[in-house]
């Protein structure tokens, strides 16, 4: 338990069953924080209590939980060098805002809940299984696919794959990209 934790470089893992508490802020720069247990951040005063910048990375594993009790989460920052990444495959709860700036990114398949607003000038990927927010400025919608697929089929004729699909709905869909591996 500490009032302020600053991680600069290296890799630190909170194992399943373990808990780490920072009473005010947790800042990850350059290094990687892997959360398979529980990380409690920001029971004290502050706006951005979990800050991931300058090449920092936080990975919330499937068994991991991050609770930001009083404040929000900021990924990335101003300027090209201020990058950061947050991957949520477990649970992220923030009482405040979630802000993804410029060269920051958020991704994953886990559950995200936040009580403030979501703003994103960085990148959002993933398909979060549960995403709820406390404002009308939702980041949840941008974290899921904007297309509801009604049907998909493929056949091979003369060494050519033919794909056919129909959509039930599309919301702000820019197009489709076909990839093979």
N, C-alpha and C. Protein backbone atom coordinates (compact mmCIF):
# COMPACT_ATOMS: atom_id res chain seq x y z
N UNK A 1 0.85 -1.18 0.00
CA UNK A 1 0.00 0.00 0.00
C UNK A 1 0.89 1.23 0.00
N UNK A 2 0.62 2.15 -0.89
CA UNK A 2 1.38 3.39 -0.97
C UNK A 2 0.49 4.53 -1.38
N UNK A 3 0.94 5.78 -1.13
CA UNK A 3 0.12 6.93 -1.49
C UNK A 3 0.34 7.33 -2.95
N UNK A 4 1.48 6.98 -3.54
CA UNK A 4 1.80 7.36 -4.90
C UNK A 4 2.78 6.33 -5.44
N UNK A 5 2.49 5.74 -6.58
CA UNK A 5 3.39 4.75 -7.16
C UNK A 5 3.72 5.19 -8.58
N UNK A 6 5.02 5.25 -8.87
CA UNK A 6 5.51 5.64 -10.20
C UNK A 6 6.37 4.50 -10.72
N UNK A 7 5.94 3.89 -11.83
CA UNK A 7 6.66 2.76 -12.41
C UNK A 7 7.40 3.24 -13.65
N UNK A 8 8.71 3.14 -13.64
CA UNK A 8 9.53 3.60 -14.74
C UNK A 8 10.41 2.45 -15.21
N UNK A 9 9.96 1.74 -16.24
CA UNK A 9 10.74 0.65 -16.81
C UNK A 9 10.44 -0.69 -16.16
N UNK A 10 10.85 -1.74 -16.83
CA UNK A 10 10.69 -3.09 -16.31
C UNK A 10 9.29 -3.64 -16.47
N UNK A 11 9.09 -4.82 -15.91
CA UNK A 11 7.79 -5.48 -15.91
C UNK A 11 7.44 -5.85 -14.49
N UNK A 12 6.22 -5.53 -14.10
CA UNK A 12 5.73 -5.85 -12.77
C UNK A 12 4.40 -6.57 -12.91
N UNK A 13 4.25 -7.70 -12.22
CA UNK A 13 3.03 -8.49 -12.31
C UNK A 13 2.37 -8.57 -10.94
N UNK A 14 1.07 -8.27 -10.92
CA UNK A 14 0.25 -8.51 -9.73
C UNK A 14 -0.41 -9.85 -9.96
N UNK A 15 0.03 -10.85 -9.23
CA UNK A 15 -0.44 -12.22 -9.45
C UNK A 15 -1.89 -12.40 -9.01
N UNK A 16 -2.54 -13.42 -9.55
CA UNK A 16 -3.90 -13.79 -9.19
C UNK A 16 -3.98 -14.01 -7.67
N UNK A 17 -4.91 -13.35 -7.01
CA UNK A 17 -5.07 -13.46 -5.57
C UNK A 17 -4.37 -12.37 -4.79
N UNK A 18 -3.44 -11.63 -5.43
CA UNK A 18 -2.71 -10.55 -4.76
C UNK A 18 -3.40 -9.21 -5.02
N UNK A 19 -3.21 -8.25 -4.10
CA UNK A 19 -3.79 -6.91 -4.22
C UNK A 19 -2.70 -5.87 -4.01
N UNK A 20 -2.67 -4.86 -4.87
CA UNK A 20 -1.79 -3.71 -4.72
C UNK A 20 -2.67 -2.47 -4.65
N UNK A 21 -2.43 -1.60 -3.65
CA UNK A 21 -3.24 -0.40 -3.47
C UNK A 21 -2.34 0.83 -3.49
N UNK A 22 -2.73 1.80 -4.31
CA UNK A 22 -2.10 3.11 -4.33
C UNK A 22 -3.18 4.11 -3.96
N UNK A 23 -2.98 4.85 -2.86
CA UNK A 23 -4.03 5.72 -2.36
C UNK A 23 -4.29 6.96 -3.20
N UNK A 24 -3.40 7.30 -4.10
CA UNK A 24 -3.67 8.47 -4.91
C UNK A 24 -3.48 8.20 -6.40
N UNK A 25 -2.25 7.99 -6.85
CA UNK A 25 -1.99 7.83 -8.28
C UNK A 25 -1.07 6.63 -8.53
N UNK A 26 -1.25 6.06 -9.72
CA UNK A 26 -0.35 5.02 -10.22
C UNK A 26 0.01 5.44 -11.63
N UNK A 27 1.28 5.69 -11.87
CA UNK A 27 1.75 6.14 -13.18
C UNK A 27 2.68 5.07 -13.75
N UNK A 28 2.41 4.65 -14.98
CA UNK A 28 3.24 3.66 -15.66
C UNK A 28 3.85 4.32 -16.89
N UNK A 29 5.17 4.52 -16.87
CA UNK A 29 5.91 5.05 -18.01
C UNK A 29 6.97 4.03 -18.39
N UNK A 30 7.11 3.77 -19.67
CA UNK A 30 8.11 2.89 -20.26
C UNK A 30 7.88 1.42 -19.91
N UNK A 31 7.54 1.09 -18.69
CA UNK A 31 7.42 -0.30 -18.26
C UNK A 31 6.07 -0.92 -18.60
N UNK A 32 5.92 -2.18 -18.14
CA UNK A 32 4.69 -2.95 -18.36
C UNK A 32 4.16 -3.44 -17.02
N UNK A 33 2.90 -3.16 -16.76
CA UNK A 33 2.22 -3.65 -15.56
C UNK A 33 1.21 -4.69 -16.01
N UNK A 34 1.32 -5.89 -15.46
CA UNK A 34 0.39 -6.98 -15.77
C UNK A 34 -0.44 -7.22 -14.52
N UNK A 35 -1.76 -7.12 -14.66
CA UNK A 35 -2.67 -7.26 -13.51
C UNK A 35 -3.47 -8.55 -13.68
N UNK A 36 -3.11 -9.57 -12.90
CA UNK A 36 -3.88 -10.81 -12.85
C UNK A 36 -4.64 -10.91 -11.54
N UNK A 37 -4.29 -10.06 -10.58
CA UNK A 37 -4.96 -9.96 -9.29
C UNK A 37 -5.80 -8.70 -9.26
N UNK A 38 -5.60 -7.87 -8.22
CA UNK A 38 -6.39 -6.65 -8.06
C UNK A 38 -5.47 -5.45 -7.87
N UNK A 39 -5.77 -4.37 -8.60
CA UNK A 39 -5.08 -3.10 -8.43
C UNK A 39 -6.13 -2.07 -8.03
N UNK A 40 -5.96 -1.48 -6.83
CA UNK A 40 -6.83 -0.41 -6.36
C UNK A 40 -6.06 0.90 -6.46
N UNK A 41 -6.64 1.88 -7.13
CA UNK A 41 -5.96 3.15 -7.36
C UNK A 41 -6.89 4.31 -7.05
N UNK A 42 -6.33 5.35 -6.41
CA UNK A 42 -7.00 6.64 -6.37
C UNK A 42 -8.11 6.81 -5.38
N UNK A 43 -7.94 6.35 -4.15
CA UNK A 43 -8.95 6.66 -3.15
C UNK A 43 -8.79 8.08 -2.63
N UNK A 44 -7.65 8.72 -2.94
CA UNK A 44 -7.41 10.10 -2.55
C UNK A 44 -7.89 11.04 -3.63
N UNK A 45 -7.55 12.33 -3.52
CA UNK A 45 -7.98 13.33 -4.49
C UNK A 45 -7.16 13.20 -5.77
N UNK A 46 -7.77 13.53 -6.89
CA UNK A 46 -7.07 13.50 -8.16
C UNK A 46 -8.02 13.31 -9.31
N UNK A 47 -7.59 13.71 -10.51
CA UNK A 47 -8.41 13.57 -11.70
C UNK A 47 -8.03 12.31 -12.46
N UNK A 48 -6.79 12.26 -12.95
CA UNK A 48 -6.28 11.08 -13.65
C UNK A 48 -5.44 10.29 -12.66
N UNK A 49 -6.03 9.30 -12.04
CA UNK A 49 -5.30 8.55 -11.02
C UNK A 49 -4.56 7.35 -11.56
N UNK A 50 -4.99 6.79 -12.69
CA UNK A 50 -4.20 5.76 -13.37
C UNK A 50 -3.74 6.40 -14.67
N UNK A 51 -2.44 6.62 -14.81
CA UNK A 51 -1.87 7.29 -15.97
C UNK A 51 -0.90 6.34 -16.65
N UNK A 52 -1.10 6.13 -17.96
CA UNK A 52 -0.24 5.25 -18.74
C UNK A 52 0.33 6.09 -19.88
N UNK A 53 1.62 6.37 -19.84
CA UNK A 53 2.21 7.23 -20.85
C UNK A 53 3.64 6.88 -21.14
N UNK A 54 4.24 7.60 -22.09
CA UNK A 54 5.64 7.46 -22.47
C UNK A 54 6.03 6.00 -22.69
N UNK A 55 5.25 5.29 -23.49
CA UNK A 55 5.57 3.91 -23.82
C UNK A 55 5.17 2.91 -22.77
N UNK A 56 4.42 3.34 -21.77
CA UNK A 56 3.95 2.43 -20.73
C UNK A 56 2.83 1.53 -21.24
N UNK A 57 2.65 0.42 -20.56
CA UNK A 57 1.64 -0.54 -20.96
C UNK A 57 1.03 -1.18 -19.72
N UNK A 58 -0.30 -1.24 -19.68
CA UNK A 58 -1.00 -1.96 -18.62
C UNK A 58 -1.85 -3.03 -19.28
N UNK A 59 -1.67 -4.27 -18.82
CA UNK A 59 -2.43 -5.40 -19.34
C UNK A 59 -3.23 -5.99 -18.19
N UNK A 60 -4.56 -5.90 -18.28
CA UNK A 60 -5.44 -6.48 -17.27
C UNK A 60 -5.85 -7.85 -17.79
N UNK A 61 -5.29 -8.88 -17.16
CA UNK A 61 -5.56 -10.26 -17.59
C UNK A 61 -7.00 -10.67 -17.30
N UNK A 62 -7.41 -11.83 -17.80
CA UNK A 62 -8.78 -12.30 -17.62
C UNK A 62 -9.22 -12.41 -16.16
N UNK A 63 -8.28 -12.66 -15.25
CA UNK A 63 -8.63 -12.75 -13.83
C UNK A 63 -8.34 -11.45 -13.09
N UNK A 64 -7.88 -10.43 -13.82
CA UNK A 64 -7.47 -9.17 -13.21
C UNK A 64 -8.61 -8.18 -13.05
N UNK A 65 -8.47 -7.32 -12.02
CA UNK A 65 -9.42 -6.23 -11.77
C UNK A 65 -8.65 -4.97 -11.43
N UNK A 66 -9.00 -3.86 -12.08
CA UNK A 66 -8.46 -2.56 -11.75
C UNK A 66 -9.61 -1.68 -11.33
N UNK A 67 -9.54 -1.16 -10.09
CA UNK A 67 -10.56 -0.26 -9.56
C UNK A 67 -9.92 1.10 -9.32
N UNK A 68 -10.41 2.12 -10.03
CA UNK A 68 -9.95 3.49 -9.84
C UNK A 68 -11.06 4.18 -9.05
N UNK A 69 -10.87 4.23 -7.72
CA UNK A 69 -11.93 4.64 -6.81
C UNK A 69 -12.35 6.08 -6.88
N UNK A 70 -11.41 7.01 -7.02
CA UNK A 70 -11.76 8.42 -7.04
C UNK A 70 -10.94 9.08 -8.13
N UNK A 71 -11.44 9.07 -9.34
CA UNK A 71 -10.71 9.64 -10.45
C UNK A 71 -10.85 8.80 -11.69
N UNK A 72 -10.02 9.12 -12.67
CA UNK A 72 -10.15 8.46 -13.95
C UNK A 72 -8.88 7.82 -14.43
N UNK A 73 -8.92 7.46 -15.71
CA UNK A 73 -7.82 6.76 -16.37
C UNK A 73 -7.41 7.60 -17.58
N UNK A 74 -6.11 7.82 -17.72
CA UNK A 74 -5.59 8.51 -18.91
C UNK A 74 -4.55 7.62 -19.57
N UNK A 75 -4.72 7.41 -20.89
CA UNK A 75 -3.80 6.60 -21.68
C UNK A 75 -3.20 7.50 -22.75
N UNK A 76 -1.87 7.61 -22.77
CA UNK A 76 -1.21 8.50 -23.72
C UNK A 76 -1.24 9.92 -23.22
N UNK A 77 -0.86 10.85 -24.08
CA UNK A 77 -0.82 12.25 -23.67
C UNK A 77 -0.55 13.15 -24.83
N UNK A 78 -0.05 14.33 -24.54
CA UNK A 78 0.25 15.30 -25.58
C UNK A 78 1.62 15.03 -26.16
N UNK A 79 1.74 15.14 -27.47
CA UNK A 79 3.04 14.96 -28.10
C UNK A 79 3.28 13.55 -28.58
N UNK A 80 4.13 13.42 -29.60
CA UNK A 80 4.38 12.14 -30.23
C UNK A 80 5.03 11.10 -29.35
N UNK A 81 5.85 11.54 -28.40
CA UNK A 81 6.57 10.58 -27.55
C UNK A 81 5.70 10.05 -26.43
N UNK A 82 4.58 10.69 -26.17
CA UNK A 82 3.75 10.29 -25.03
C UNK A 82 2.73 9.25 -25.45
N UNK A 83 3.20 8.03 -25.63
CA UNK A 83 2.35 6.92 -26.02
C UNK A 83 2.02 6.09 -24.79
N UNK A 84 1.02 5.27 -24.90
CA UNK A 84 0.66 4.35 -23.83
C UNK A 84 -0.37 3.38 -24.35
N UNK A 85 -0.47 2.20 -23.72
CA UNK A 85 -1.48 1.24 -24.16
C UNK A 85 -2.11 0.57 -22.94
N UNK A 86 -3.41 0.36 -23.05
CA UNK A 86 -4.19 -0.32 -22.02
C UNK A 86 -4.96 -1.44 -22.68
N UNK A 87 -4.72 -2.67 -22.21
CA UNK A 87 -5.46 -3.84 -22.70
C UNK A 87 -6.28 -4.37 -21.54
N UNK A 88 -7.60 -4.44 -21.74
CA UNK A 88 -8.51 -4.89 -20.68
C UNK A 88 -9.17 -6.19 -21.13
N UNK A 89 -8.68 -7.31 -20.58
CA UNK A 89 -9.31 -8.61 -20.81
C UNK A 89 -10.01 -9.09 -19.55
N UNK A 90 -9.86 -8.34 -18.48
CA UNK A 90 -10.53 -8.61 -17.20
C UNK A 90 -11.55 -7.53 -16.94
N UNK A 91 -11.39 -6.81 -15.81
CA UNK A 91 -12.36 -5.79 -15.40
C UNK A 91 -11.66 -4.48 -15.09
N UNK A 92 -12.20 -3.38 -15.61
CA UNK A 92 -11.74 -2.04 -15.30
C UNK A 92 -12.94 -1.23 -14.80
N UNK A 93 -12.85 -0.71 -13.57
CA UNK A 93 -13.88 0.16 -13.01
C UNK A 93 -13.24 1.50 -12.69
N UNK A 94 -13.77 2.58 -13.24
CA UNK A 94 -13.27 3.92 -12.96
C UNK A 94 -14.44 4.80 -12.55
N UNK A 95 -14.30 5.50 -11.44
CA UNK A 95 -15.38 6.38 -11.01
C UNK A 95 -15.43 7.65 -11.85
N UNK A 96 -14.32 8.01 -12.50
CA UNK A 96 -14.26 9.23 -13.30
C UNK A 96 -14.21 8.93 -14.78
N UNK A 97 -13.46 9.79 -15.50
CA UNK A 97 -13.37 9.74 -16.95
C UNK A 97 -12.36 8.69 -17.41
N UNK A 98 -12.54 8.26 -18.67
CA UNK A 98 -11.52 7.50 -19.37
C UNK A 98 -11.11 8.35 -20.56
N UNK A 99 -9.81 8.69 -20.62
CA UNK A 99 -9.30 9.56 -21.68
C UNK A 99 -8.18 8.83 -22.41
N UNK A 100 -8.35 8.68 -23.72
CA UNK A 100 -7.32 8.08 -24.57
C UNK A 100 -6.82 9.21 -25.48
N UNK A 101 -5.59 9.63 -25.27
CA UNK A 101 -5.05 10.79 -25.98
C UNK A 101 -4.13 10.39 -27.11
N UNK A 102 -4.07 11.24 -28.10
CA UNK A 102 -3.17 11.22 -29.25
C UNK A 102 -2.57 9.86 -29.58
N UNK A 103 -1.48 9.49 -28.98
CA UNK A 103 -0.78 8.26 -29.32
C UNK A 103 -1.06 7.13 -28.34
N UNK A 104 -2.14 7.24 -27.59
CA UNK A 104 -2.53 6.18 -26.67
C UNK A 104 -3.47 5.21 -27.35
N UNK A 105 -3.67 4.05 -26.75
CA UNK A 105 -4.57 3.05 -27.32
C UNK A 105 -5.19 2.20 -26.24
N UNK A 106 -6.44 1.78 -26.47
CA UNK A 106 -7.14 0.88 -25.55
C UNK A 106 -7.71 -0.26 -26.36
N UNK A 107 -7.63 -1.47 -25.80
CA UNK A 107 -8.04 -2.66 -26.53
C UNK A 107 -8.44 -3.72 -25.52
N UNK A 108 -9.06 -4.79 -25.98
CA UNK A 108 -9.36 -5.91 -25.11
C UNK A 108 -10.73 -6.50 -25.33
N UNK A 109 -11.07 -7.46 -24.46
CA UNK A 109 -12.34 -8.18 -24.55
C UNK A 109 -13.05 -8.23 -23.21
N UNK A 110 -12.61 -7.42 -22.25
CA UNK A 110 -13.13 -7.50 -20.89
C UNK A 110 -14.30 -6.58 -20.62
N UNK A 111 -14.49 -6.25 -19.34
CA UNK A 111 -15.60 -5.40 -18.89
C UNK A 111 -15.06 -4.05 -18.44
N UNK A 112 -15.67 -2.98 -18.93
CA UNK A 112 -15.28 -1.62 -18.56
C UNK A 112 -16.50 -0.88 -18.03
N UNK A 113 -16.33 -0.24 -16.86
CA UNK A 113 -17.37 0.61 -16.29
C UNK A 113 -16.72 1.92 -15.89
N UNK A 114 -17.34 3.05 -16.23
CA UNK A 114 -16.81 4.33 -15.82
C UNK A 114 -17.95 5.28 -15.49
N UNK A 115 -17.68 6.23 -14.58
CA UNK A 115 -18.72 7.11 -14.09
C UNK A 115 -18.71 8.49 -14.70
N UNK A 116 -17.67 8.82 -15.46
CA UNK A 116 -17.55 10.14 -16.07
C UNK A 116 -17.81 10.09 -17.55
N UNK A 117 -16.91 10.69 -18.30
CA UNK A 117 -17.03 10.72 -19.75
C UNK A 117 -15.89 9.96 -20.40
N UNK A 118 -16.11 9.60 -21.65
CA UNK A 118 -15.10 8.90 -22.44
C UNK A 118 -14.67 9.85 -23.55
N UNK A 119 -13.38 10.11 -23.68
CA UNK A 119 -12.89 10.90 -24.81
C UNK A 119 -11.72 10.17 -25.43
N UNK A 120 -11.66 10.22 -26.75
CA UNK A 120 -10.67 9.42 -27.45
C UNK A 120 -10.15 10.18 -28.66
N UNK A 121 -8.88 10.55 -28.63
CA UNK A 121 -8.19 11.04 -29.81
C UNK A 121 -7.07 10.08 -30.18
N UNK A 122 -7.04 8.93 -29.52
CA UNK A 122 -6.07 7.87 -29.80
C UNK A 122 -6.72 6.78 -30.61
N UNK A 123 -6.52 5.53 -30.21
CA UNK A 123 -7.12 4.42 -30.94
C UNK A 123 -7.85 3.49 -29.97
N UNK A 124 -8.97 2.97 -30.43
CA UNK A 124 -9.76 2.03 -29.66
C UNK A 124 -9.96 0.78 -30.50
N UNK A 125 -9.71 -0.37 -29.91
CA UNK A 125 -9.94 -1.63 -30.59
C UNK A 125 -10.68 -2.55 -29.66
N UNK A 126 -10.72 -3.79 -29.99
CA UNK A 126 -11.33 -4.77 -29.11
C UNK A 126 -12.83 -4.85 -29.27
N UNK A 127 -13.40 -5.75 -28.53
CA UNK A 127 -14.83 -5.96 -28.49
C UNK A 127 -15.18 -6.29 -27.06
N UNK A 128 -15.38 -5.26 -26.26
CA UNK A 128 -15.59 -5.45 -24.83
C UNK A 128 -16.91 -6.17 -24.58
N UNK A 129 -16.87 -7.18 -23.71
CA UNK A 129 -18.07 -7.97 -23.44
C UNK A 129 -19.06 -7.20 -22.59
N UNK A 130 -18.58 -6.31 -21.77
CA UNK A 130 -19.47 -5.48 -20.96
C UNK A 130 -18.89 -4.09 -20.89
N UNK A 131 -19.66 -3.07 -21.22
CA UNK A 131 -19.15 -1.72 -21.21
C UNK A 131 -20.29 -0.80 -20.83
N UNK A 132 -20.19 -0.20 -19.65
CA UNK A 132 -21.23 0.72 -19.21
C UNK A 132 -20.59 2.01 -18.77
N UNK A 133 -21.34 3.09 -18.89
CA UNK A 133 -20.78 4.39 -18.56
C UNK A 133 -21.83 5.23 -17.84
N UNK A 134 -21.35 6.32 -17.28
CA UNK A 134 -22.22 7.21 -16.53
C UNK A 134 -22.55 8.48 -17.28
N UNK A 135 -22.33 8.54 -18.58
CA UNK A 135 -22.63 9.75 -19.33
C UNK A 135 -23.19 9.43 -20.69
N UNK A 136 -23.73 10.44 -21.34
CA UNK A 136 -24.25 10.24 -22.69
C UNK A 136 -23.13 10.26 -23.72
N UNK A 137 -21.93 10.68 -23.32
CA UNK A 137 -20.76 10.69 -24.19
C UNK A 137 -20.08 9.34 -24.09
N UNK A 138 -20.69 8.32 -24.64
CA UNK A 138 -20.27 6.94 -24.42
C UNK A 138 -19.07 6.55 -25.27
N UNK A 139 -18.12 5.87 -24.66
CA UNK A 139 -17.02 5.26 -25.38
C UNK A 139 -17.31 3.80 -25.65
N UNK A 140 -18.38 3.30 -25.04
CA UNK A 140 -18.70 1.88 -25.17
C UNK A 140 -19.04 1.53 -26.60
N UNK A 141 -19.83 2.35 -27.26
CA UNK A 141 -20.25 2.06 -28.62
C UNK A 141 -19.09 1.98 -29.59
N UNK A 142 -18.05 2.78 -29.36
CA UNK A 142 -16.93 2.77 -30.27
C UNK A 142 -16.00 1.59 -30.03
N UNK A 143 -16.26 0.81 -29.00
CA UNK A 143 -15.41 -0.33 -28.70
C UNK A 143 -15.98 -1.64 -29.21
N UNK A 144 -17.12 -1.59 -29.87
CA UNK A 144 -17.72 -2.80 -30.41
C UNK A 144 -17.91 -2.63 -31.91
N UNK A 145 -18.15 -3.72 -32.59
CA UNK A 145 -18.31 -3.66 -34.04
C UNK A 145 -19.59 -2.92 -34.42
N UNK A 146 -19.54 -2.07 -35.45
CA UNK A 146 -20.70 -1.29 -35.85
C UNK A 146 -21.62 -2.04 -36.81
N UNK A 147 -21.37 -3.33 -37.05
CA UNK A 147 -22.13 -4.10 -38.02
C UNK A 147 -22.75 -5.32 -37.35
N UNK A 148 -24.02 -5.55 -37.60
CA UNK A 148 -24.69 -6.77 -37.15
C UNK A 148 -24.82 -7.68 -38.37
N UNK A 149 -24.13 -8.80 -38.33
CA UNK A 149 -24.09 -9.72 -39.46
C UNK A 149 -25.31 -10.63 -39.45
N UNK A 150 -26.05 -10.68 -40.57
CA UNK A 150 -27.24 -11.53 -40.68
C UNK A 150 -26.86 -12.91 -41.21
N UNK A 151 -25.98 -12.96 -42.22
CA UNK A 151 -25.56 -14.25 -42.76
C UNK A 151 -24.19 -14.10 -43.42
N UNK A 152 -23.47 -15.22 -43.49
CA UNK A 152 -22.16 -15.26 -44.13
C UNK A 152 -21.96 -16.65 -44.71
N UNK A 153 -21.50 -16.71 -45.98
CA UNK A 153 -21.20 -18.02 -46.58
C UNK A 153 -20.00 -17.87 -47.50
N UNK A 154 -19.34 -19.00 -47.72
CA UNK A 154 -18.21 -19.01 -48.65
C UNK A 154 -18.20 -20.34 -49.40
N UNK A 155 -17.82 -20.25 -50.66
CA UNK A 155 -17.64 -21.46 -51.47
C UNK A 155 -16.37 -21.29 -52.28
N UNK A 156 -15.80 -22.40 -52.70
CA UNK A 156 -14.60 -22.36 -53.52
C UNK A 156 -14.93 -22.92 -54.89
N UNK A 157 -14.68 -22.10 -55.93
CA UNK A 157 -14.88 -22.53 -57.32
C UNK A 157 -13.62 -22.25 -58.10
N UNK A 158 -13.03 -23.28 -58.69
CA UNK A 158 -11.83 -23.12 -59.52
C UNK A 158 -10.71 -22.36 -58.79
N UNK A 159 -10.42 -22.79 -57.57
CA UNK A 159 -9.37 -22.16 -56.74
C UNK A 159 -9.62 -20.70 -56.42
N UNK A 160 -10.88 -20.28 -56.48
CA UNK A 160 -11.25 -18.91 -56.11
C UNK A 160 -12.29 -19.00 -55.00
N UNK A 161 -12.03 -18.30 -53.92
CA UNK A 161 -13.00 -18.27 -52.82
C UNK A 161 -14.02 -17.18 -53.10
N UNK A 162 -15.28 -17.53 -53.01
CA UNK A 162 -16.35 -16.55 -53.18
C UNK A 162 -17.04 -16.37 -51.83
N UNK A 163 -17.08 -15.14 -51.39
CA UNK A 163 -17.68 -14.80 -50.11
C UNK A 163 -18.97 -14.04 -50.33
N UNK A 164 -19.96 -14.35 -49.49
CA UNK A 164 -21.24 -13.66 -49.59
C UNK A 164 -21.72 -13.40 -48.17
N UNK A 165 -22.14 -12.16 -47.90
CA UNK A 165 -22.67 -11.83 -46.59
C UNK A 165 -23.76 -10.78 -46.70
N UNK A 166 -24.60 -10.79 -45.70
CA UNK A 166 -25.66 -9.79 -45.57
C UNK A 166 -25.60 -9.23 -44.16
N UNK A 167 -25.88 -7.95 -44.05
CA UNK A 167 -25.90 -7.32 -42.74
C UNK A 167 -27.33 -7.01 -42.33
N UNK A 168 -27.60 -7.14 -41.04
CA UNK A 168 -28.92 -6.79 -40.51
C UNK A 168 -28.95 -5.30 -40.19
N UNK A 169 -27.80 -4.73 -39.78
CA UNK A 169 -27.71 -3.30 -39.51
C UNK A 169 -26.26 -2.86 -39.60
N UNK A 170 -26.07 -1.58 -39.91
CA UNK A 170 -24.75 -0.98 -39.95
C UNK A 170 -24.84 0.41 -39.35
N UNK A 171 -23.90 0.73 -38.46
CA UNK A 171 -23.86 2.03 -37.81
C UNK A 171 -22.47 2.62 -38.01
N UNK A 172 -22.39 3.70 -38.79
CA UNK A 172 -21.11 4.37 -39.06
C UNK A 172 -20.06 3.40 -39.60
N UNK A 173 -20.46 2.51 -40.49
CA UNK A 173 -19.54 1.54 -41.06
C UNK A 173 -18.82 2.15 -42.25
N UNK A 174 -17.50 2.12 -42.22
CA UNK A 174 -16.69 2.68 -43.30
C UNK A 174 -16.54 1.71 -44.46
N UNK A 175 -16.65 0.42 -44.22
CA UNK A 175 -16.49 -0.56 -45.28
C UNK A 175 -16.06 -1.90 -44.70
N UNK A 176 -15.68 -2.81 -45.60
CA UNK A 176 -15.26 -4.14 -45.20
C UNK A 176 -13.87 -4.41 -45.74
N UNK A 177 -13.05 -5.10 -44.96
CA UNK A 177 -11.72 -5.50 -45.36
C UNK A 177 -11.63 -7.01 -45.28
N UNK A 178 -11.25 -7.65 -46.37
CA UNK A 178 -11.13 -9.10 -46.42
C UNK A 178 -9.65 -9.45 -46.24
N UNK A 179 -9.36 -10.31 -45.28
CA UNK A 179 -8.00 -10.76 -45.04
C UNK A 179 -7.95 -12.27 -45.08
N UNK A 180 -6.80 -12.82 -45.41
CA UNK A 180 -6.63 -14.27 -45.39
C UNK A 180 -5.34 -14.60 -44.68
N UNK A 181 -5.27 -15.81 -44.15
CA UNK A 181 -4.04 -16.25 -43.52
C UNK A 181 -3.80 -17.71 -43.84
